[in-house]
Every structure is written in C-alpha cells, then in structure tokens.
C-alpha cells in the first residue's frame, strides 16, 4: 500500500484492481442490506416514487391509536424509559386546544403538567406567535449562526434585555434547556479559568453529558462516570432530615454547611454554583427565606459565578418573570439558563443570559461552543411572538390571580385525604406529596418502583381525563399559565376523586 502511494502508476493499477474486486462484493452487500426493504432497488438506488406512493396511500388519512402505536413500536425509541413499555402506555395525542389535548380516540385530557412543564401558553397557538413564525418563514427560515445575523435575533435580544434585571443584556441562543446548561458550564469555566463546579443533589439540569453531571438525582447514574470536576452538595430541604424547624434556621445551617464544603474544595478552584431558583422535578422546593440572597453573597465573596437554572421556572411559572426574583432585594445571578417558557415550547429553543462583565469577556475571547440550530430564526420568531402575547395579555397578572386558588385547592385536599402528606406551590408551580401511613412514609421509596396503589391512582386520573406527572410518591399541579379558575377546580375535582380511591390503601 505504501509503495502504491509512492508510485503513481502503481497507485492507478492498485485502484483499478481494488475496484474490479470490490464492485461485485458491493453489489452483493447492497442486495443483502436492502433485501427486506421495498424502498430500495436491487442495485441500491432509492425508489423515490415508490416511497412517496406508499406514504400517500398509507398515511394520507387519520391514524387510529393502534396504527400509531404499531408504527411507533416499529420505528421509534422513547426517552428515559424502556421503549416497549413506554409505547404501551403512551397517549396518542392528535389535537390541542387551550389547556386541553385530545387522543386519537377523541378522549379529552386536562393538561395539569403543561406537558413537560413547558406548554405555558396552552395548546392553542396564539395569533401573535403564528404571525411571527409565518413572517419569518416567508423571509428566511434558517441562517448560519456563526456568520450571519437576522432581524428577529436582534429584536428578541432587545426584548429579553427589557425583561431581565440589572445588566443582564446579552444572550446566547440554544436548542433547549440541557444545551443552555452545557453552555453555561463551558462559559463559567472559560471565564474564571477554574475547573470545579458545585450543584445540588435535589436537582435536574438536562440530559446531555455536562448537564447530566450537574444533575443530582438518579437520572445521573446511568451516565456515570460523568464529566469531571462536578461536586454535589445538600439542599436546604433534604429527603430524610431537616436542617431546622424555621426557614431562618434552615438557611443559616445549610449555608454554613455550604461554606464548609467550599473550603474543602478550595474556593479558588470553583468556577460556579448551579441552582434551580425553585427546584423543579425534585420537589417544587421554594428556597427558604434568605437562602438565595446568602448564596449570592457567598459567591461574590469567593469570585464564584452564581448560575440560576430557570429552564422550568422562567417566564411566569412562579408568578414572577423569573424564579430568582422572589428575593429581597432582587439578586442578580451571573448567568441565567432558560428554555421551555421562553416560547411556550411551540418550537425548540433555549437561551443563556449573562451579566456585562462576562459578555465583555466573550467579546474578546471565544465562547467555544455552538450548534447548527443555535439562534434558529424560526424558533426565535416563536419566542418573540409568545413573549409579546404574554405582555399584551398580562400573563403574570393572571398567574398572580390563579396562584392563591391553586394553593387553596391543594390545602383542601390535604385536609380531606389522609394520603396527602404535604402540598407546595408558588405561582402555578405545585406539587403534592403522598404518604401511606400516619408516620409519613412514602408509597414509593427514593427512586423505587411504584406499587399497585400508585399505578391505579395514575390510571384513575387518566381515565377521568387529567394528565400530570407522578414521580415516586409525589405528583405535580402545573397547568398552563392561561388556566381559568373553572379549569383549576375541574382538575382538582378529578384529583379529589382519585385520592378517595387511593385513601383505601392508607395503612391503619
């Protein structure tokens, strides 16, 4: 082979010989590879007309639930869970309207989790969003983010700057929450020149390698060994013990513990501390009084960046534009990550905001991260329309009106049902914890399998037309931010009936 490369003539002879030998083998390989596929001819070429004819004949009509699930089983894989079981349990969603969606059999579901806590504006796309998307599609649908800019990127960036406090005026656009946290992780390390990053155990920051390393809950385990340099620390609200009886005591003791953790790791080694401003899937945990303010002080003292993950909290879910704004005085994180509510999940989009000193750094230094869909014009257009809709319709004001009603309905369930251990909510972000006995033991141990009673509880909710997420012994009450009082009461009435059945499993 080396001789052939050195000698042009020999190289040509080698190429001809190789081609004459491999050509029939390649033909045989094509026939073997595509023998079960009618879309390819025996010579390996695609039968484009045949493929189109097949799909026009087979799929040019509404699919039944069975047809949909069979095609999913044959050709798709699910996230997180075993795909076979996930396909069996899946709801075949075909339509959405307001706070409801419908399956292929016409069954109507009240969405009490905003899908993945992201369909904040419900399932009817506002005209403002359609208008911006159509306008963008008719001009240019995609532009290379490393070498071009678009009017919609300029407009959305200016609007976001108006929504953020202090000098958070610069934004980096991603495809979703995990990528936003990956970007923030990279930015923090490059800006500080430090390697270690602290994150909490009761947390979730995304499914990619860096974001998963930041994650503290069991979803991290299958990806380990994970990205190096991530150190996890305990939350103000652990699962099995308390730091204290009052919010002030909890804050004081937990922050003292954090200071000690920082001293063990070396303050000058730590680039950033990542926190969800209000913990999401790990409990809808509102920080105790003074916690975020104290965390901000600790970070400032040691030159550590404070990164607030607002992927789930952001854009009204907690009753304020961002979760970190429930502080007195309002703190300014160094970096904020976001997605979901930034456009109501009408299209994939995330973003990272940073303060001026970090933005100035990356005007001179490479940010060293990017992707094909970074700053995708169509997604940016959806966000611009969605945020204008929120401002026009005073979505934050509506959440403020609905929040006490949701809290009241939660407390009524606690007063009535022995299986309800605790309720928490902030804005339209809520969770209810379940217990199987008076000792407060959960139905499901940490990361354990659900018993028949919880499986039945979930089935009853669905059968009565309510969709939400049940995680271990807790379930969420996170309707779209456009939910009405009537719709809230409808949802809690369904939960009330399902809990009445679950109460029969309460011990003693």
Protein backbone atom coordinates (compact mmCIF):
# COMPACT_ATOMS: atom_id res chain seq x y z
CA UNK A 1 0.00 0.00 0.00
CA UNK A 2 2.88 2.40 0.88
CA UNK A 3 4.64 1.53 -2.40
CA UNK A 4 1.46 2.18 -4.33
CA UNK A 5 1.13 5.64 -2.82
CA UNK A 6 4.69 6.48 -3.79
CA UNK A 7 4.34 5.39 -7.35
CA UNK A 8 1.58 6.98 -9.44
CA UNK A 9 1.41 4.15 -11.93
CA UNK A 10 1.27 1.52 -9.24
CA UNK A 11 -1.39 3.58 -7.48
CA UNK A 12 -3.59 3.57 -10.60
CA UNK A 13 -3.13 -0.17 -11.03
CA UNK A 14 -3.98 -0.69 -7.37
CA UNK A 15 -7.15 1.44 -7.66
CA UNK A 16 -8.34 -0.39 -10.77
CA UNK A 17 -7.65 -3.78 -9.21
CA UNK A 18 -9.39 -2.80 -5.99
CA UNK A 19 -12.46 -1.55 -7.87
CA UNK A 20 -12.67 -4.69 -10.00
CA UNK A 21 -12.56 -6.86 -6.90
CA UNK A 22 -14.92 -4.86 -4.66
CA UNK A 23 -17.60 -3.84 -7.19
CA UNK A 24 -19.35 -7.24 -7.25
CA UNK A 25 -18.94 -7.50 -3.47
CA UNK A 26 -20.55 -4.09 -3.01
CA UNK A 27 -23.46 -5.11 -5.22
CA UNK A 28 -23.91 -8.25 -3.15
CA UNK A 29 -23.71 -6.20 0.06
CA UNK A 30 -26.39 -3.80 -1.19
CA UNK A 31 -28.68 -6.68 -2.04
CA UNK A 32 -28.13 -8.20 1.39
CA UNK A 33 -28.61 -4.92 3.23
CA UNK A 34 -31.79 -3.89 1.43
CA UNK A 35 -33.35 -7.27 0.66
CA UNK A 36 -36.10 -6.57 3.21
CA UNK A 37 -36.67 -3.00 2.03
CA UNK A 38 -39.02 -2.30 -0.85
CA UNK A 39 -37.87 1.33 -0.91
CA UNK A 40 -34.52 0.38 -2.48
CA UNK A 41 -33.94 -1.39 -5.77
CA UNK A 42 -31.61 -4.37 -6.11
CA UNK A 43 -28.82 -2.08 -7.34
CA UNK A 44 -29.04 0.04 -4.17
CA UNK A 45 -30.80 3.06 -5.67
CA UNK A 46 -33.76 4.60 -3.89
CA UNK A 47 -37.21 4.16 -5.43
CA UNK A 48 -38.36 7.69 -4.60
CA UNK A 49 -41.66 7.44 -6.44
CA UNK A 50 -42.47 4.16 -4.73
CA UNK A 51 -41.74 5.58 -1.27
CA UNK A 52 -43.97 8.60 -1.92
CA UNK A 53 -46.76 6.44 -3.30
CA UNK A 54 -46.60 4.19 -0.23
CA UNK A 55 -46.84 7.10 2.19
CA UNK A 56 -49.60 8.84 0.28
CA UNK A 57 -51.60 5.62 0.29
CA UNK A 58 -50.86 4.57 3.88
CA UNK A 59 -50.69 7.84 5.78
CA UNK A 60 -52.93 10.23 3.85
CA UNK A 61 -55.65 9.75 6.48
CA UNK A 62 -56.12 10.00 10.22
CA UNK A 63 -54.33 7.20 12.04
CA UNK A 64 -56.06 5.11 14.69
CA UNK A 65 -54.42 4.71 18.07
CA UNK A 66 -53.44 1.14 17.22
CA UNK A 67 -51.88 2.16 13.90
CA UNK A 68 -49.95 4.96 15.55
CA UNK A 69 -48.59 2.75 18.35
CA UNK A 70 -47.63 0.00 15.92
CA UNK A 71 -45.62 2.39 13.76
CA UNK A 72 -44.01 3.85 16.89
CA UNK A 73 -43.07 0.34 18.06
CA UNK A 74 -41.64 -0.48 14.65
CA UNK A 75 -39.62 2.68 14.13
CA UNK A 76 -39.17 4.85 17.25
CA UNK A 77 -37.43 4.84 20.61
CA UNK A 78 -38.53 6.73 23.73
CA UNK A 79 -36.56 8.93 26.08
CA UNK A 80 -35.69 7.79 29.63
CA UNK A 81 -37.88 4.66 29.88
CA UNK A 82 -37.78 1.23 28.19
CA UNK A 83 -39.35 1.87 24.80
CA UNK A 84 -41.61 -1.17 24.73
CA UNK A 85 -43.40 -0.32 27.98
CA UNK A 86 -43.43 3.38 27.09
CA UNK A 87 -45.16 2.68 23.77
CA UNK A 88 -47.80 0.57 25.51
CA UNK A 89 -48.59 3.33 28.00
CA UNK A 90 -48.34 6.26 25.59
CA UNK A 91 -51.27 8.59 24.89
CA UNK A 92 -51.71 9.15 21.16
CA UNK A 93 -52.05 12.95 21.08
CA UNK A 94 -53.67 14.32 17.92
CA UNK A 95 -55.03 17.73 18.89
CA UNK A 96 -54.66 20.50 21.45
CA UNK A 97 -56.94 23.35 22.45
CA UNK A 98 -56.42 25.73 25.35
CA UNK A 99 -55.47 23.76 28.47
CA UNK A 100 -56.75 20.51 26.93
CA UNK A 101 -55.46 17.94 24.47
CA UNK A 102 -57.19 15.02 22.72
CA UNK A 103 -56.11 11.49 21.88
CA UNK A 104 -56.78 9.51 18.69
CA UNK A 105 -59.96 8.10 20.20
CA UNK A 106 -61.34 11.59 20.86
CA UNK A 107 -60.77 11.48 24.63
CA UNK A 108 -60.19 14.89 26.20
CA UNK A 109 -57.47 15.48 28.82
CA UNK A 110 -56.95 18.48 31.10
CA UNK A 111 -53.20 19.13 30.98
CA UNK A 112 -52.16 19.58 34.61
CA UNK A 113 -48.43 19.43 33.92
CA UNK A 114 -48.20 21.66 30.83
CA UNK A 115 -46.72 18.56 29.17
CA UNK A 116 -43.10 18.76 30.41
CA UNK A 117 -43.76 21.96 32.42
CA UNK A 118 -43.30 23.84 29.17
CA UNK A 119 -46.62 24.45 27.37
CA UNK A 120 -47.11 27.59 29.41
CA UNK A 121 -49.48 29.22 26.93
CA UNK A 122 -51.52 26.08 26.42
CA UNK A 123 -52.16 24.18 23.22
CA UNK A 124 -53.82 26.84 21.08
CA UNK A 125 -51.05 28.73 19.32
CA UNK A 126 -51.68 32.48 19.76
CA UNK A 127 -52.10 34.56 16.62
CA UNK A 128 -49.07 36.65 17.64
CA UNK A 129 -46.92 33.51 17.52
CA UNK A 130 -48.33 32.31 14.21
CA UNK A 131 -47.81 35.74 12.70
CA UNK A 132 -44.16 35.93 13.71
CA UNK A 133 -43.44 32.36 12.57
CA UNK A 134 -45.14 32.85 9.20
CA UNK A 135 -43.40 36.18 8.68
CA UNK A 136 -40.03 34.54 9.37
CA UNK A 137 -40.77 31.53 7.16
CA UNK A 138 -41.70 33.79 4.25
CA UNK A 139 -38.44 35.73 4.54
CA UNK A 140 -35.71 33.23 5.53
CA UNK A 141 -36.22 30.08 7.54
CA UNK A 142 -32.61 29.38 8.50
CA UNK A 143 -29.38 31.35 8.73
CA UNK A 144 -25.91 30.08 9.68
CA UNK A 145 -25.39 31.38 13.25
CA UNK A 146 -21.60 31.72 13.11
CA UNK A 147 -21.53 34.07 10.13
CA UNK A 148 -24.91 35.80 9.90
CA UNK A 149 -27.41 37.73 11.98
CA UNK A 150 -31.13 38.19 11.43
CA UNK A 151 -33.62 40.92 12.33
CA UNK A 152 -35.53 38.51 14.57
CA UNK A 153 -32.41 37.77 16.62
CA UNK A 154 -31.85 41.50 17.13
CA UNK A 155 -35.50 42.08 18.10
CA UNK A 156 -35.76 39.14 20.52
CA UNK A 157 -32.46 40.03 22.20
CA UNK A 158 -33.66 43.59 22.78
CA UNK A 159 -36.96 42.32 24.21
CA UNK A 160 -35.23 39.87 26.57
CA UNK A 161 -32.95 42.67 27.76
CA UNK A 162 -36.08 44.58 28.77
CA UNK A 163 -37.33 41.58 30.78
CA UNK A 164 -34.13 40.91 32.72
CA UNK A 165 -32.96 42.99 35.69
CA UNK A 166 -29.67 44.86 36.15
CA UNK A 167 -27.08 44.50 33.40
CA UNK A 168 -28.19 41.11 32.06
CA UNK A 169 -28.38 42.31 28.47
CA UNK A 170 -26.57 39.65 26.44
CA UNK A 171 -27.98 36.33 25.28
CA UNK A 172 -26.71 33.13 23.66
CA UNK A 173 -29.38 31.01 21.96
CA UNK A 174 -29.56 27.21 22.12
CA UNK A 175 -31.96 24.41 21.19
CA UNK A 176 -33.19 23.68 24.72
CA UNK A 177 -32.54 23.59 28.46
CA UNK A 178 -29.81 20.95 28.53
CA UNK A 179 -27.82 22.77 25.88
CA UNK A 180 -28.29 26.02 27.79
CA UNK A 181 -26.76 24.46 30.90
CA UNK A 182 -23.95 22.92 28.84
CA UNK A 183 -23.20 26.38 27.51
CA UNK A 184 -23.29 27.97 30.96
CA UNK A 185 -20.92 25.29 32.27
CA UNK A 186 -18.46 25.99 29.45
CA UNK A 187 -18.76 29.76 29.88
CA UNK A 188 -18.18 29.61 33.64
CA UNK A 189 -15.02 27.56 33.29
CA UNK A 190 -13.62 29.65 30.47
CA UNK A 191 -14.42 32.96 32.16
CA UNK A 192 -12.99 32.06 35.58
CA UNK A 193 -10.20 29.73 34.50
CA UNK A 194 -11.39 27.38 37.24
CA UNK A 195 -12.48 23.77 36.85
CA UNK A 196 -14.75 22.73 39.73
CA UNK A 197 -18.49 23.40 39.71
CA UNK A 198 -20.91 22.86 42.58
CA UNK A 199 -24.52 21.71 42.11
CA UNK A 200 -27.19 20.34 44.42
CA UNK A 201 -28.35 16.76 44.90
CA UNK A 202 -32.06 17.51 44.53
CA UNK A 203 -31.67 18.89 41.04
CA UNK A 204 -32.07 18.20 37.35
CA UNK A 205 -30.22 20.23 34.70
CA UNK A 206 -30.65 18.24 31.47
CA UNK A 207 -29.87 15.02 29.63
CA UNK A 208 -26.56 15.83 27.90
CA UNK A 209 -23.25 14.80 29.45
CA UNK A 210 -22.29 18.06 31.16
CA UNK A 211 -25.85 18.90 32.22
CA UNK A 212 -26.33 15.36 33.47
CA UNK A 213 -23.13 15.61 35.51
CA UNK A 214 -24.60 18.72 37.16
CA UNK A 215 -27.81 16.80 37.89
CA UNK A 216 -28.04 15.40 41.39
CA UNK A 217 -30.98 13.00 41.11
CA UNK A 218 -30.80 9.34 39.99
CA UNK A 219 -31.13 10.19 36.32
CA UNK A 220 -27.40 10.94 36.57
CA UNK A 221 -26.40 7.39 37.46
CA UNK A 222 -26.54 5.70 34.01
CA UNK A 223 -24.25 8.37 32.53
CA UNK A 224 -21.50 7.92 35.11
CA UNK A 225 -18.58 8.25 35.17
CA UNK A 226 -19.63 11.75 34.22
CA UNK A 227 -17.84 14.98 33.38
CA UNK A 228 -15.05 15.57 35.91
CA UNK A 229 -15.00 18.43 38.38
CA UNK A 230 -18.66 18.44 39.46
CA UNK A 231 -19.22 18.40 43.23
CA UNK A 232 -22.71 17.91 44.65
CA UNK A 233 -23.93 19.34 47.94
CA UNK A 234 -27.05 19.00 50.07
CA UNK A 235 -30.13 21.15 49.57
CA UNK A 236 -31.98 23.26 52.13
CA UNK A 237 -34.65 20.53 52.03
CA UNK A 238 -33.13 17.01 52.05
CA UNK A 239 -35.37 13.96 51.74
CA UNK A 240 -34.73 12.33 55.09
CA UNK A 241 -33.87 15.06 57.63
CA UNK A 242 -34.29 18.75 58.41
CA UNK A 243 -31.68 21.46 58.88
CA UNK A 244 -34.07 23.16 61.30
CA UNK A 245 -37.65 23.99 62.15
CA UNK A 246 -37.80 27.56 60.83
CA UNK A 247 -36.83 28.99 57.46
CA UNK A 248 -34.20 31.18 59.12
CA UNK A 249 -32.60 28.19 60.89
CA UNK A 250 -32.66 26.09 57.72
CA UNK A 251 -31.00 28.86 55.72
CA UNK A 252 -28.34 29.55 58.35
CA UNK A 253 -27.32 25.92 58.86
CA UNK A 254 -27.41 24.95 55.19
CA UNK A 255 -25.33 27.96 54.12
CA UNK A 256 -22.84 27.25 56.91
CA UNK A 257 -22.54 23.69 55.60
CA UNK A 258 -22.07 25.04 52.06
CA UNK A 259 -19.30 27.37 53.24
CA UNK A 260 -17.52 24.38 54.74
CA UNK A 261 -17.95 22.40 51.53
CA UNK A 262 -16.42 25.28 49.58
CA UNK A 263 -13.45 25.38 51.96
CA UNK A 264 -12.89 21.64 51.45
CA UNK A 265 -12.92 22.01 47.65
CA UNK A 266 -10.88 25.23 47.63
CA UNK A 267 -12.70 28.47 46.76
CA UNK A 268 -10.11 29.37 44.12
CA UNK A 269 -10.83 26.08 42.34
CA UNK A 270 -14.59 26.66 41.97
CA UNK A 271 -15.90 28.30 38.81
CA UNK A 272 -19.63 28.31 39.56
CA UNK A 273 -22.51 27.12 41.68
CA UNK A 274 -25.57 25.92 39.72
CA UNK A 275 -29.01 26.02 41.35
CA UNK A 276 -32.58 25.81 40.16
CA UNK A 277 -34.08 29.02 41.56
CA UNK A 278 -37.08 26.92 42.58
CA UNK A 279 -36.30 23.21 42.46
CA UNK A 280 -38.42 21.57 39.75
CA UNK A 281 -38.95 17.84 39.29
CA UNK A 282 -37.21 17.09 42.58
CA UNK A 283 -39.97 18.62 44.63
CA UNK A 284 -41.07 22.14 43.61
CA UNK A 285 -38.98 23.37 46.54
CA UNK A 286 -39.18 27.10 47.19
CA UNK A 287 -35.93 28.32 48.77
CA UNK A 288 -36.24 29.24 52.46
CA UNK A 289 -36.15 32.92 53.34
CA UNK A 290 -32.72 34.44 52.73
CA UNK A 291 -31.22 31.38 51.02
CA UNK A 292 -30.65 32.77 47.52
CA UNK A 293 -29.55 36.10 48.97
CA UNK A 294 -27.00 34.32 51.16
CA UNK A 295 -25.85 32.16 48.26
CA UNK A 296 -25.29 35.31 46.20
CA UNK A 297 -23.11 36.77 48.98
CA UNK A 298 -21.01 33.60 49.26
CA UNK A 299 -20.41 33.50 45.51
CA UNK A 300 -19.45 37.18 45.41
CA UNK A 301 -17.03 36.74 48.32
CA UNK A 302 -15.09 33.98 46.54
CA UNK A 303 -15.38 35.11 42.93
CA UNK A 304 -17.63 32.15 42.16
CA UNK A 305 -20.27 32.60 39.46
CA UNK A 306 -23.89 32.06 40.50
CA UNK A 307 -25.79 30.26 37.74
CA UNK A 308 -29.58 30.14 38.12
CA UNK A 309 -31.30 27.44 36.09
CA UNK A 310 -34.63 28.99 35.09
CA UNK A 311 -35.48 26.39 32.45
CA UNK A 312 -38.63 25.39 34.33
CA UNK A 313 -39.19 28.50 36.49
CA UNK A 314 -38.71 31.19 33.89
CA UNK A 315 -41.28 33.39 32.17
CA UNK A 316 -44.07 33.39 34.71
CA UNK A 317 -44.34 29.88 36.09
CA UNK A 318 -43.62 31.04 39.67
CA UNK A 319 -45.70 34.21 39.42
CA UNK A 320 -42.76 36.45 38.59
CA UNK A 321 -40.86 36.67 35.32
CA UNK A 322 -38.05 34.57 36.85
CA UNK A 323 -37.78 32.45 39.97
CA UNK A 324 -34.74 34.28 41.34
CA UNK A 325 -36.85 37.45 41.50
CA UNK A 326 -38.58 36.12 44.66
CA UNK A 327 -35.74 37.67 46.70
CA UNK A 328 -35.41 40.85 48.76
CA UNK A 329 -33.68 42.75 47.38
CA UNK A 330 -33.80 41.02 44.00
CA UNK A 331 -30.47 39.28 43.41
CA UNK A 332 -28.62 39.32 40.11
CA UNK A 333 -27.19 35.94 39.07
CA UNK A 334 -24.08 35.98 36.91
CA UNK A 335 -25.62 33.58 34.40
CA UNK A 336 -29.23 32.50 33.84
CA UNK A 337 -30.22 29.50 31.73
CA UNK A 338 -33.68 29.19 30.20
CA UNK A 339 -35.90 27.28 27.74
CA UNK A 340 -39.48 25.91 27.96
CA UNK A 341 -41.45 29.06 28.85
CA UNK A 342 -39.29 31.26 26.63
CA UNK A 343 -41.75 30.45 23.83
CA UNK A 344 -44.26 28.07 25.39
CA UNK A 345 -42.43 25.16 23.71
CA UNK A 346 -44.04 25.87 20.34
CA UNK A 347 -40.61 25.21 18.79
CA UNK A 348 -37.32 24.01 20.34
CA UNK A 349 -35.46 26.93 21.92
CA UNK A 350 -33.27 27.77 24.89
CA UNK A 351 -31.04 30.66 25.86
CA UNK A 352 -28.31 31.77 28.25
CA UNK A 353 -28.21 35.27 29.73
CA UNK A 354 -25.11 36.76 31.34
CA UNK A 355 -24.07 39.95 33.08
CA UNK A 356 -21.98 42.59 31.36
CA UNK A 357 -18.55 41.56 32.65
CA UNK A 358 -18.98 38.05 31.25
CA UNK A 359 -20.36 39.34 27.95
CA UNK A 360 -17.36 41.67 27.60
CA UNK A 361 -15.01 38.75 28.21
CA UNK A 362 -16.55 36.74 25.39
CA UNK A 363 -16.46 39.69 23.04
CA UNK A 364 -12.68 39.28 23.21
CA UNK A 365 -12.40 35.53 23.84
CA UNK A 366 -14.02 32.61 22.00
CA UNK A 367 -17.06 31.12 23.69
CA UNK A 368 -16.02 27.77 22.15
CA UNK A 369 -19.47 26.25 21.85
CA UNK A 370 -22.19 26.25 19.22
CA UNK A 371 -24.53 24.14 17.14
CA UNK A 372 -26.30 24.11 13.80
CA UNK A 373 -29.60 25.18 15.35
CA UNK A 374 -28.15 27.91 17.55
CA UNK A 375 -30.21 31.09 17.05
CA UNK A 376 -32.60 29.34 14.65
CA UNK A 377 -34.73 32.15 13.16
CA UNK A 378 -37.98 30.18 13.28
CA UNK A 379 -37.57 29.39 16.97
CA UNK A 380 -36.57 32.96 17.76
CA UNK A 381 -39.68 34.18 15.95
CA UNK A 382 -41.88 31.90 18.05
CA UNK A 383 -40.36 33.34 21.20
CA UNK A 384 -40.77 36.94 20.07
CA UNK A 385 -44.46 36.29 19.38
CA UNK A 386 -45.02 34.35 22.61
CA UNK A 387 -43.41 36.99 24.83
CA UNK A 388 -45.37 39.78 23.16
CA UNK A 389 -48.54 37.74 23.76
CA UNK A 390 -47.65 37.38 27.46
CA UNK A 391 -47.07 41.11 27.81
CA UNK A 392 -50.23 42.03 25.91
CA UNK A 393 -52.42 39.68 27.96
CA UNK A 394 -50.73 40.30 31.34
CA UNK A 395 -49.95 36.63 31.86
CA UNK A 396 -48.03 37.41 35.07
CA UNK A 397 -51.07 39.20 36.46
CA UNK A 398 -53.27 36.23 35.62
CA UNK A 399 -50.89 33.83 37.37
CA UNK A 400 -50.98 36.07 40.43
CA UNK A 401 -54.79 35.75 40.48
CA UNK A 402 -54.82 31.97 40.00
CA UNK A 403 -51.95 31.15 42.40
CA UNK A 404 -53.92 31.51 45.68
CA UNK A 405 -56.77 29.46 44.22
CA UNK A 406 -54.40 26.63 43.33
CA UNK A 407 -52.86 26.78 46.82
CA UNK A 408 -56.30 26.77 48.46
CA UNK A 409 -57.41 23.73 46.42
CA UNK A 410 -54.22 21.90 47.38
CA UNK A 411 -54.85 22.57 51.08
CA UNK A 412 -58.45 21.36 50.80
CA UNK A 413 -57.15 18.04 49.51
CA UNK A 414 -54.70 17.82 52.42
CA UNK A 415 -57.47 18.46 54.93
CA UNK A 416 -59.70 15.80 53.38
CA UNK A 417 -57.39 12.95 52.41
CA UNK A 418 -55.10 11.04 54.81
CA UNK A 419 -52.85 10.04 51.91
CA UNK A 420 -51.87 13.68 51.30
CA UNK A 421 -48.77 14.45 53.36
CA UNK A 422 -47.77 17.88 52.15
CA UNK A 423 -48.60 20.47 49.47
CA UNK A 424 -46.35 23.14 48.00
CA UNK A 425 -46.85 25.78 45.35
CA UNK A 426 -45.55 29.07 44.09
CA UNK A 427 -47.41 30.75 41.28
CA UNK A 428 -48.83 27.93 39.14
CA UNK A 429 -45.98 25.60 40.08
CA UNK A 430 -47.25 22.97 42.51
CA UNK A 431 -46.61 19.54 43.96
CA UNK A 432 -48.46 17.22 46.32
CA UNK A 433 -46.61 14.57 48.36
CA UNK A 434 -48.36 11.32 49.24
CA UNK A 435 -47.98 9.11 52.33
CA UNK A 436 -49.06 5.55 53.04
CA UNK A 437 -49.39 5.84 56.83
CA UNK A 438 -49.51 8.30 59.72
CA UNK A 439 -45.72 8.08 60.12
CA UNK A 440 -45.44 9.87 56.78
CA UNK A 441 -43.75 7.03 54.92
CA UNK A 442 -43.97 7.47 51.15
CA UNK A 443 -45.77 4.97 48.94
CA UNK A 444 -42.62 4.78 46.82
CA UNK A 445 -39.10 4.82 48.29
CA UNK A 446 -36.48 7.09 46.77
CA UNK A 447 -36.09 6.04 43.13
CA UNK A 448 -38.19 2.95 43.83
CA UNK A 449 -40.84 1.17 41.79
CA UNK A 450 -44.46 2.24 42.14
CA UNK A 451 -46.79 -0.18 43.97
CA UNK A 452 -50.16 -1.15 42.54
CA UNK A 453 -51.92 1.59 44.53
CA UNK A 454 -49.93 4.37 42.83
CA UNK A 455 -50.27 2.75 39.42
CA UNK A 456 -54.04 2.64 39.96
CA UNK A 457 -54.04 6.28 41.11
CA UNK A 458 -52.34 7.33 37.87
CA UNK A 459 -54.78 5.23 35.82
CA UNK A 460 -57.75 6.83 37.58
CA UNK A 461 -56.50 10.32 36.84
CA UNK A 462 -56.10 9.48 33.16
CA UNK A 463 -59.40 7.65 32.90
CA UNK A 464 -61.16 10.72 34.31
CA UNK A 465 -59.36 12.97 31.86
CA UNK A 466 -56.48 14.53 33.82
CA UNK A 467 -52.85 14.35 32.69
CA UNK A 468 -49.99 15.06 35.06
CA UNK A 469 -46.58 13.73 36.08
CA UNK A 470 -46.31 11.37 39.04
CA UNK A 471 -42.78 11.00 40.36
CA UNK A 472 -42.30 8.42 43.11
CA UNK A 473 -44.76 9.49 45.85
CA UNK A 474 -45.48 12.96 44.54
CA UNK A 475 -47.44 14.47 41.67
CA UNK A 476 -47.50 17.88 40.02
CA UNK A 477 -50.17 20.56 39.68
CA UNK A 478 -48.63 22.69 36.93
CA UNK A 479 -51.37 23.72 34.47
CA UNK A 480 -50.69 26.14 31.60
CA UNK A 481 -50.43 29.74 32.76
CA UNK A 482 -53.65 30.58 30.91
CA UNK A 483 -55.74 28.22 33.09
CA UNK A 484 -59.02 29.61 34.43
CA UNK A 485 -60.46 29.17 37.92
CA UNK A 486 -63.14 26.88 36.49
CA UNK A 487 -60.49 24.68 34.87
CA UNK A 488 -58.43 24.60 38.07
CA UNK A 489 -61.46 23.43 40.03
CA UNK A 490 -62.23 20.83 37.36
CA UNK A 491 -58.72 19.42 37.69
CA UNK A 492 -58.75 19.32 41.48
CA UNK A 493 -62.17 17.66 41.48
CA UNK A 494 -60.70 14.82 39.42
CA UNK A 495 -57.72 14.57 41.79
CA UNK A 496 -60.13 14.53 44.75
CA UNK A 497 -62.00 11.53 43.33
CA UNK A 498 -58.80 9.64 42.52
CA UNK A 499 -57.42 10.29 46.03
CA UNK A 500 -60.62 8.90 47.54
CA UNK A 501 -59.71 5.57 45.94
CA UNK A 502 -56.06 5.87 46.99
CA UNK A 503 -57.15 6.52 50.60
CA UNK A 504 -58.28 2.89 50.74
CA UNK A 505 -54.60 1.93 50.62
CA UNK A 506 -53.75 4.07 53.64
CA UNK A 507 -52.40 1.82 56.39
CA UNK A 508 -54.36 1.54 59.66
